[in-house]
Protein backbone atom coordinates (compact mmCIF):
# COMPACT_ATOMS: atom_id res chain seq x y z
CA MET A 1 6.28 22.71 -7.17
CA ASP A 2 5.91 20.69 -10.36
CA ASP A 3 3.54 17.81 -11.15
CA SER A 4 6.11 15.08 -10.55
CA MET A 5 6.87 16.42 -7.08
CA LEU A 6 3.16 16.57 -6.23
CA GLU A 7 2.72 13.02 -7.49
CA LYS A 8 5.59 11.81 -5.30
CA ILE A 9 4.15 13.51 -2.21
CA TYR A 10 0.71 12.04 -2.95
CA GLN A 11 2.20 8.56 -3.37
CA GLU A 12 4.16 8.79 -0.12
CA ARG A 13 1.05 9.85 1.77
CA LEU A 14 -0.97 7.04 0.19
CA GLU A 15 1.64 4.50 1.26
CA GLU A 16 1.67 5.89 4.82
CA GLN A 17 -2.11 5.65 5.07
CA LEU A 18 -2.20 2.17 3.56
CA ILE A 19 0.50 0.81 5.88
CA ALA A 20 -1.14 2.32 8.97
CA TYR A 21 -4.49 0.89 7.90
CA LEU A 22 -3.01 -2.57 7.31
CA ALA A 23 -1.45 -2.51 10.78
CA GLU A 24 -4.74 -1.49 12.37
CA GLN A 25 -6.97 -3.90 10.45
CA HIS A 26 -4.72 -6.94 10.86
CA ASN A 27 -3.50 -6.17 14.37
CA VAL A 28 0.16 -6.16 13.39
CA THR A 29 2.98 -3.74 14.07
CA LEU A 30 3.73 -0.94 11.65
CA GLU A 31 6.98 -2.72 10.87
CA ARG A 32 5.12 -5.92 9.89
CA ALA A 33 2.61 -3.90 7.85
CA MET A 34 5.51 -2.26 6.02
CA ASP A 35 6.99 -5.69 5.29
CA ILE A 36 3.64 -6.86 3.91
CA TYR A 37 3.18 -3.80 1.74
CA TYR A 38 6.70 -3.46 0.38
CA SER A 39 6.94 -7.16 -0.48
CA SER A 40 3.69 -7.03 -2.46
CA ASN A 41 3.10 -6.77 -6.18
CA LEU A 42 0.66 -3.98 -5.36
CA ALA A 43 3.47 -1.76 -4.06
CA GLU A 44 5.22 -2.07 -7.40
CA LYS A 45 2.02 -1.27 -9.30
CA ILE A 46 1.46 1.82 -7.17
CA HIS A 47 5.05 2.93 -7.62
CA ASP A 48 4.89 2.41 -11.39
CA GLY A 49 1.42 3.92 -11.74
CA VAL A 50 -0.01 0.82 -13.42
CA GLU A 51 -3.60 1.35 -14.61
CA GLY A 52 -4.05 4.33 -12.29
CA VAL A 53 -4.13 2.05 -9.23
CA GLN A 54 -2.28 4.73 -7.25
CA TYR A 55 -5.42 6.89 -7.32
CA LEU A 56 -7.61 4.39 -5.48
CA ASP A 57 -8.50 4.92 -1.84
CA TYR A 58 -6.08 3.31 0.61
CA LYS A 59 -8.88 1.21 2.12
CA VAL A 60 -9.74 -0.17 -1.32
CA LEU A 61 -6.06 -0.88 -1.94
CA ALA A 62 -5.83 -2.74 1.39
CA GLN A 63 -8.77 -4.91 0.38
CA ILE A 64 -7.23 -5.59 -3.03
CA LEU A 65 -3.96 -6.55 -1.37
CA LYS A 66 -5.71 -8.94 1.04
CA GLU A 67 -7.69 -10.57 -1.78
CA THR A 68 -4.89 -10.85 -4.35
CA GLU A 69 -1.92 -11.63 -2.10
CA PRO A 70 -3.28 -13.40 0.99
CA GLU A 71 -0.02 -15.29 1.49
CA LEU A 72 1.62 -12.05 2.64
CA PHE A 73 -0.65 -12.02 5.68
CA ALA A 74 0.34 -15.47 6.90
CA SER A 75 2.09 -15.25 10.24
CA GLY A 76 5.77 -15.87 10.35
């Protein structure tokens, strides 16, 4: 297994943990949590590896998402 494959697996696991945590913390379905995450600027930064953000803990990333993109958490 090469480095790019390991990176992809790590990223997928990070996204899974982050989405599950968002659902739990905000009392929303996994589907809604996925919508929140994948419509965020943070998801793009994680995917692109901007400033090493993809190496932060998923709980820290959830807090960053809540603070920087609160509009995504509005009901509707």
